[in-house]
């Protein structure tokens, strides 16, 4: 695959994600109680990287522990 095909594919992929981003985020704005255990692994002063395809909703349960 040449660079022009790669760039075209990446641009198309980005446009697709941009079209669904708001709806995707809306489906994940409510916290899942099944994830509350994650707070048990965070200690006061820890630095946390929420890496993934999401909207940062885990911040709600860990924000007071990381300060």
PDB file of N, CA and C in Angstrom:
ATOM      1  N   UNK A   1       0.861  -1.170   0.000  1.00  0.00           N
ATOM      2  CA  UNK A   1       0.000   0.000   0.000  1.00  0.00           C
ATOM      3  C   UNK A   1       0.909   1.234   0.000  1.00  0.00           C
ATOM      4  N   UNK A   2       0.660   2.154  -0.913  1.00  0.00           N
ATOM      5  CA  UNK A   2       1.512   3.345  -0.959  1.00  0.00           C
ATOM      6  C   UNK A   2       0.998   4.426  -0.013  1.00  0.00           C
ATOM      7  N   UNK A   3       1.802   5.455   0.175  1.00  0.00           N
ATOM      8  CA  UNK A   3       1.472   6.509   1.143  1.00  0.00           C
ATOM      9  C   UNK A   3       0.155   7.206   0.847  1.00  0.00           C
ATOM     10  N   UNK A   4      -0.170   7.415  -0.406  1.00  0.00           N
ATOM     11  CA  UNK A   4      -1.431   8.101  -0.727  1.00  0.00           C
ATOM     12  C   UNK A   4      -2.629   7.240  -0.318  1.00  0.00           C
ATOM     13  N   UNK A   5      -2.525   5.928  -0.499  1.00  0.00           N
ATOM     14  CA  UNK A   5      -3.609   5.032  -0.077  1.00  0.00           C
ATOM     15  C   UNK A   5      -3.717   5.006   1.451  1.00  0.00           C
ATOM     16  N   UNK A   6      -2.581   4.998   2.112  1.00  0.00           N
ATOM     17  CA  UNK A   6      -2.576   5.008   3.569  1.00  0.00           C
ATOM     18  C   UNK A   6      -3.218   6.283   4.090  1.00  0.00           C
ATOM     19  N   UNK A   7      -2.832   7.421   3.539  1.00  0.00           N
ATOM     20  CA  UNK A   7      -3.394   8.703   3.974  1.00  0.00           C
ATOM     21  C   UNK A   7      -4.892   8.769   3.714  1.00  0.00           C
ATOM     22  N   UNK A   8      -5.323   8.283   2.562  1.00  0.00           N
ATOM     23  CA  UNK A   8      -6.748   8.286   2.237  1.00  0.00           C
ATOM     24  C   UNK A   8      -7.524   7.406   3.224  1.00  0.00           C
ATOM     25  N   UNK A   9      -6.977   6.247   3.560  1.00  0.00           N
ATOM     26  CA  UNK A   9      -7.614   5.347   4.517  1.00  0.00           C
ATOM     27  C   UNK A   9      -7.695   5.993   5.892  1.00  0.00           C
ATOM     28  N   UNK A  10      -6.603   6.617   6.332  1.00  0.00           N
ATOM     29  CA  UNK A  10      -6.596   7.281   7.641  1.00  0.00           C
ATOM     30  C   UNK A  10      -7.586   8.438   7.695  1.00  0.00           C
ATOM     31  N   UNK A  11      -7.668   9.221   6.632  1.00  0.00           N
ATOM     32  CA  UNK A  11      -8.618  10.337   6.586  1.00  0.00           C
ATOM     33  C   UNK A  11     -10.053   9.824   6.643  1.00  0.00           C
ATOM     34  N   UNK A  12     -10.326   8.744   5.935  1.00  0.00           N
ATOM     35  CA  UNK A  12     -11.671   8.159   5.940  1.00  0.00           C
ATOM     36  C   UNK A  12     -12.012   7.616   7.324  1.00  0.00           C
ATOM     37  N   UNK A  13     -11.060   6.958   7.947  1.00  0.00           N
ATOM     38  CA  UNK A  13     -11.262   6.425   9.287  1.00  0.00           C
ATOM     39  C   UNK A  13     -11.523   7.547  10.291  1.00  0.00           C
ATOM     40  N   UNK A  14     -10.741   8.603  10.224  1.00  0.00           N
ATOM     41  CA  UNK A  14     -10.928   9.741  11.125  1.00  0.00           C
ATOM     42  C   UNK A  14     -12.299  10.382  10.926  1.00  0.00           C
ATOM     43  N   UNK A  15     -12.709  10.550   9.685  1.00  0.00           N
ATOM     44  CA  UNK A  15     -14.018  11.144   9.403  1.00  0.00           C
ATOM     45  C   UNK A  15     -15.135  10.271   9.971  1.00  0.00           C
ATOM     46  N   UNK A  16     -14.989   8.960   9.853  1.00  0.00           N
ATOM     47  CA  UNK A  16     -15.995   8.044  10.395  1.00  0.00           C
ATOM     48  C   UNK A  16     -16.098   8.153  11.905  1.00  0.00           C
ATOM     49  N   UNK A  17     -14.960   8.166  12.581  1.00  0.00           N
ATOM     50  CA  UNK A  17     -14.966   8.319  14.034  1.00  0.00           C
ATOM     51  C   UNK A  17     -15.563   9.658  14.449  1.00  0.00           C
ATOM     52  N   UNK A  18     -15.241  10.702  13.721  1.00  0.00           N
ATOM     53  CA  UNK A  18     -15.788  12.023  14.051  1.00  0.00           C
ATOM     54  C   UNK A  18     -17.311  12.047  13.912  1.00  0.00           C
ATOM     55  N   UNK A  19     -17.841  11.305  12.949  1.00  0.00           N
ATOM     56  CA  UNK A  19     -19.298  11.269  12.761  1.00  0.00           C
ATOM     57  C   UNK A  19     -20.011  10.592  13.931  1.00  0.00           C
ATOM     58  N   UNK A  20     -19.379   9.607  14.545  1.00  0.00           N
ATOM     59  CA  UNK A  20     -20.069   8.851  15.604  1.00  0.00           C
ATOM     60  C   UNK A  20     -19.625   9.241  17.012  1.00  0.00           C
ATOM     61  N   UNK A  21     -18.655  10.131  17.147  1.00  0.00           N
ATOM     62  CA  UNK A  21     -18.050  10.432  18.443  1.00  0.00           C
ATOM     63  C   UNK A  21     -19.063  10.876  19.499  1.00  0.00           C
ATOM     64  N   UNK A  22     -19.921  11.794  19.191  1.00  0.00           N
ATOM     65  CA  UNK A  22     -20.870  12.305  20.184  1.00  0.00           C
ATOM     66  C   UNK A  22     -21.846  11.223  20.640  1.00  0.00           C
ATOM     67  N   UNK A  23     -22.383  10.470  19.698  1.00  0.00           N
ATOM     68  CA  UNK A  23     -23.321   9.408  20.058  1.00  0.00           C
ATOM     69  C   UNK A  23     -22.612   8.329  20.884  1.00  0.00           C
ATOM     70  N   UNK A  24     -21.410   7.968  20.489  1.00  0.00           N
ATOM     71  CA  UNK A  24     -20.636   6.979  21.229  1.00  0.00           C
ATOM     72  C   UNK A  24     -20.405   7.444  22.663  1.00  0.00           C
ATOM     73  N   UNK A  25     -20.003   8.688  22.816  1.00  0.00           N
ATOM     74  CA  UNK A  25     -19.754   9.244  24.143  1.00  0.00           C
ATOM     75  C   UNK A  25     -21.034   9.262  24.980  1.00  0.00           C
ATOM     76  N   UNK A  26     -22.144   9.606  24.370  1.00  0.00           N
ATOM     77  CA  UNK A  26     -23.420   9.631  25.095  1.00  0.00           C
ATOM     78  C   UNK A  26     -23.804   8.253  25.640  1.00  0.00           C
ATOM     79  N   UNK A  27     -23.433   7.198  24.937  1.00  0.00           N
ATOM     80  CA  UNK A  27     -23.774   5.855  25.408  1.00  0.00           C
ATOM     81  C   UNK A  27     -22.875   5.426  26.562  1.00  0.00           C
ATOM     82  N   UNK A  28     -21.820   6.190  26.827  1.00  0.00           N
ATOM     83  CA  UNK A  28     -20.870   5.835  27.873  1.00  0.00           C
ATOM     84  C   UNK A  28     -20.720   6.917  28.941  1.00  0.00           C
ATOM     85  N   UNK A  29     -21.684   7.811  29.031  1.00  0.00           N
ATOM     86  CA  UNK A  29     -21.554   8.888  30.010  1.00  0.00           C
ATOM     87  C   UNK A  29     -21.966   8.467  31.416  1.00  0.00           C
ATOM     88  N   UNK A  30     -22.702   7.387  31.526  1.00  0.00           N
ATOM     89  CA  UNK A  30     -23.114   6.915  32.838  1.00  0.00           C
ATOM     90  C   UNK A  30     -22.108   5.893  33.358  1.00  0.00           C
ATOM     91  N   UNK A  31     -21.799   6.010  34.628  1.00  0.00           N
ATOM     92  CA  UNK A  31     -20.803   5.138  35.222  1.00  0.00           C
ATOM     93  C   UNK A  31     -21.347   3.729  35.416  1.00  0.00           C
ATOM     94  N   UNK A  32     -20.547   2.746  35.118  1.00  0.00           N
ATOM     95  CA  UNK A  32     -20.919   1.351  35.331  1.00  0.00           C
ATOM     96  C   UNK A  32     -20.463   0.937  36.724  1.00  0.00           C
ATOM     97  N   UNK A  33     -21.382   0.597  37.580  1.00  0.00           N
ATOM     98  CA  UNK A  33     -21.053   0.215  38.959  1.00  0.00           C
ATOM     99  C   UNK A  33     -20.082  -0.964  39.014  1.00  0.00           C
ATOM    100  N   UNK A  34     -20.093  -1.794  37.998  1.00  0.00           N
ATOM    101  CA  UNK A  34     -19.172  -2.940  37.964  1.00  0.00           C
ATOM    102  C   UNK A  34     -17.707  -2.503  37.946  1.00  0.00           C
ATOM    103  N   UNK A  35     -17.447  -1.242  37.694  1.00  0.00           N
ATOM    104  CA  UNK A  35     -16.074  -0.744  37.623  1.00  0.00           C
ATOM    105  C   UNK A  35     -15.617  -0.058  38.903  1.00  0.00           C
ATOM    106  N   UNK A  36     -16.446  -0.028  39.916  1.00  0.00           N
ATOM    107  CA  UNK A  36     -16.086   0.659  41.163  1.00  0.00           C
ATOM    108  C   UNK A  36     -14.835   0.082  41.818  1.00  0.00           C
ATOM    109  N   UNK A  37     -14.560  -1.188  41.602  1.00  0.00           N
ATOM    110  CA  UNK A  37     -13.389  -1.822  42.217  1.00  0.00           C
ATOM    111  C   UNK A  37     -12.082  -1.149  41.799  1.00  0.00           C
ATOM    112  N   UNK A  38     -12.078  -0.475  40.686  1.00  0.00           N
ATOM    113  CA  UNK A  38     -10.858   0.180  40.196  1.00  0.00           C
ATOM    114  C   UNK A  38     -10.338   1.186  41.215  1.00  0.00           C
ATOM    115  N   UNK A  39     -11.226   1.847  41.917  1.00  0.00           N
ATOM    116  CA  UNK A  39     -10.816   2.833  42.924  1.00  0.00           C
ATOM    117  C   UNK A  39      -9.975   2.192  44.027  1.00  0.00           C
ATOM    118  N   UNK A  40     -10.154   0.913  44.265  1.00  0.00           N
ATOM    119  CA  UNK A  40      -9.369   0.225  45.289  1.00  0.00           C
ATOM    120  C   UNK A  40      -7.894   0.118  44.927  1.00  0.00           C
ATOM    121  N   UNK A  41      -7.571   0.286  43.663  1.00  0.00           N
ATOM    122  CA  UNK A  41      -6.193   0.162  43.197  1.00  0.00           C
ATOM    123  C   UNK A  41      -5.489   1.507  43.066  1.00  0.00           C
ATOM    124  N   UNK A  42      -6.177   2.588  43.434  1.00  0.00           N
ATOM    125  CA  UNK A  42      -5.607   3.924  43.324  1.00  0.00           C
ATOM    126  C   UNK A  42      -5.382   4.474  44.723  1.00  0.00           C
ATOM    127  N   UNK A  43      -4.148   4.901  44.977  1.00  0.00           N
ATOM    128  CA  UNK A  43      -3.809   5.498  46.260  1.00  0.00           C
ATOM    129  C   UNK A  43      -3.688   7.007  46.126  1.00  0.00           C
ATOM    130  N   UNK A  44      -3.848   7.704  47.239  1.00  0.00           N
ATOM    131  CA  UNK A  44      -3.724   9.153  47.253  1.00  0.00           C
ATOM    132  C   UNK A  44      -2.377   9.568  46.651  1.00  0.00           C
ATOM    133  N   UNK A  45      -2.418  10.508  45.740  1.00  0.00           N
ATOM    134  CA  UNK A  45      -1.208  11.017  45.106  1.00  0.00           C
ATOM    135  C   UNK A  45      -0.770  10.259  43.861  1.00  0.00           C
ATOM    136  N   UNK A  46      -1.420   9.136  43.549  1.00  0.00           N
ATOM    137  CA  UNK A  46      -1.066   8.387  42.350  1.00  0.00           C
ATOM    138  C   UNK A  46      -1.339   9.193  41.090  1.00  0.00           C
ATOM    139  N   UNK A  47      -0.563   8.931  40.077  1.00  0.00           N
ATOM    140  CA  UNK A  47      -0.833   9.468  38.750  1.00  0.00           C
ATOM    141  C   UNK A  47      -1.479   8.352  37.953  1.00  0.00           C
ATOM    142  N   UNK A  48      -2.571   8.674  37.261  1.00  0.00           N
ATOM    143  CA  UNK A  48      -3.332   7.663  36.550  1.00  0.00           C
ATOM    144  C   UNK A  48      -3.479   8.068  35.096  1.00  0.00           C
ATOM    145  N   UNK A  49      -3.233   7.129  34.226  1.00  0.00           N
ATOM    146  CA  UNK A  49      -3.447   7.337  32.794  1.00  0.00           C
ATOM    147  C   UNK A  49      -4.648   6.504  32.384  1.00  0.00           C
ATOM    148  N   UNK A  50      -5.711   7.175  31.980  1.00  0.00           N
ATOM    149  CA  UNK A  50      -6.896   6.491  31.473  1.00  0.00           C
ATOM    150  C   UNK A  50      -6.711   6.411  29.963  1.00  0.00           C
ATOM    151  N   UNK A  51      -6.144   5.328  29.515  1.00  0.00           N
ATOM    152  CA  UNK A  51      -5.773   5.177  28.114  1.00  0.00           C
ATOM    153  C   UNK A  51      -6.753   4.240  27.430  1.00  0.00           C
ATOM    154  N   UNK A  52      -7.378   4.718  26.413  1.00  0.00           N
ATOM    155  CA  UNK A  52      -8.313   3.859  25.706  1.00  0.00           C
ATOM    156  C   UNK A  52      -9.265   4.668  24.856  1.00  0.00           C
ATOM    157  N   UNK A  53     -10.304   4.030  24.452  1.00  0.00           N
ATOM    158  CA  UNK A  53     -11.307   4.656  23.595  1.00  0.00           C
ATOM    159  C   UNK A  53     -12.520   4.986  24.450  1.00  0.00           C
ATOM    160  N   UNK A  54     -12.438   6.063  25.137  1.00  0.00           N
ATOM    161  CA  UNK A  54     -13.535   6.426  26.017  1.00  0.00           C
ATOM    162  C   UNK A  54     -13.568   7.911  26.276  1.00  0.00           C
ATOM    163  N   UNK A  55     -14.395   8.297  27.214  1.00  0.00           N
ATOM    164  CA  UNK A  55     -14.588   9.716  27.497  1.00  0.00           C
ATOM    165  C   UNK A  55     -14.146  10.092  28.907  1.00  0.00           C
ATOM    166  N   UNK A  56     -13.348   9.252  29.544  1.00  0.00           N
ATOM    167  CA  UNK A  56     -12.819   9.574  30.854  1.00  0.00           C
ATOM    168  C   UNK A  56     -13.771   9.382  32.014  1.00  0.00           C
ATOM    169  N   UNK A  57     -14.787   8.573  31.857  1.00  0.00           N
ATOM    170  CA  UNK A  57     -15.791   8.437  32.917  1.00  0.00           C
ATOM    171  C   UNK A  57     -15.242   7.821  34.195  1.00  0.00           C
ATOM    172  N   UNK A  58     -14.110   7.127  34.103  1.00  0.00           N
ATOM    173  CA  UNK A  58     -13.533   6.552  35.321  1.00  0.00           C
ATOM    174  C   UNK A  58     -12.978   7.620  36.246  1.00  0.00           C
ATOM    175  N   UNK A  59     -12.761   8.806  35.715  1.00  0.00           N
ATOM    176  CA  UNK A  59     -12.269   9.908  36.529  1.00  0.00           C
ATOM    177  C   UNK A  59     -13.203  10.178  37.712  1.00  0.00           C
ATOM    178  N   UNK A  60     -14.467   9.953  37.518  1.00  0.00           N
ATOM    179  CA  UNK A  60     -15.452  10.212  38.567  1.00  0.00           C
ATOM    180  C   UNK A  60     -15.138   9.433  39.849  1.00  0.00           C
ATOM    181  N   UNK A  61     -14.634   8.211  39.727  1.00  0.00           N
ATOM    182  CA  UNK A  61     -14.394   7.408  40.925  1.00  0.00           C
ATOM    183  C   UNK A  61     -12.984   7.546  41.466  1.00  0.00           C
ATOM    184  N   UNK A  62     -12.065   8.096  40.684  1.00  0.00           N
ATOM    185  CA  UNK A  62     -10.688   8.175  41.169  1.00  0.00           C
ATOM    186  C   UNK A  62     -10.195   9.598  41.403  1.00  0.00           C
ATOM    187  N   UNK A  63     -10.946  10.598  40.985  1.00  0.00           N
ATOM    188  CA  UNK A  63     -10.431  11.973  41.037  1.00  0.00           C
ATOM    189  C   UNK A  63     -10.087  12.442  42.439  1.00  0.00           C
ATOM    190  N   UNK A  64     -10.825  12.032  43.437  1.00  0.00           N
ATOM    191  CA  UNK A  64     -10.542  12.472  44.802  1.00  0.00           C
ATOM    192  C   UNK A  64      -9.346  11.746  45.411  1.00  0.00           C
ATOM    193  N   UNK A  65      -8.959  10.639  44.852  1.00  0.00           N
ATOM    194  CA  UNK A  65      -7.848   9.855  45.379  1.00  0.00           C
ATOM    195  C   UNK A  65      -6.497  10.289  44.792  1.00  0.00           C
ATOM    196  N   UNK A  66      -6.513  10.959  43.681  1.00  0.00           N
ATOM    197  CA  UNK A  66      -5.264  11.279  42.994  1.00  0.00           C
ATOM    198  C   UNK A  66      -4.756  12.668  43.304  1.00  0.00           C
ATOM    199  N   UNK A  67      -5.392  13.386  44.177  1.00  0.00           N
ATOM    200  CA  UNK A  67      -4.980  14.747  44.487  1.00  0.00           C
ATOM    201  C   UNK A  67      -4.013  14.785  45.636  1.00  0.00           C
TER     202      UNK A  67
END
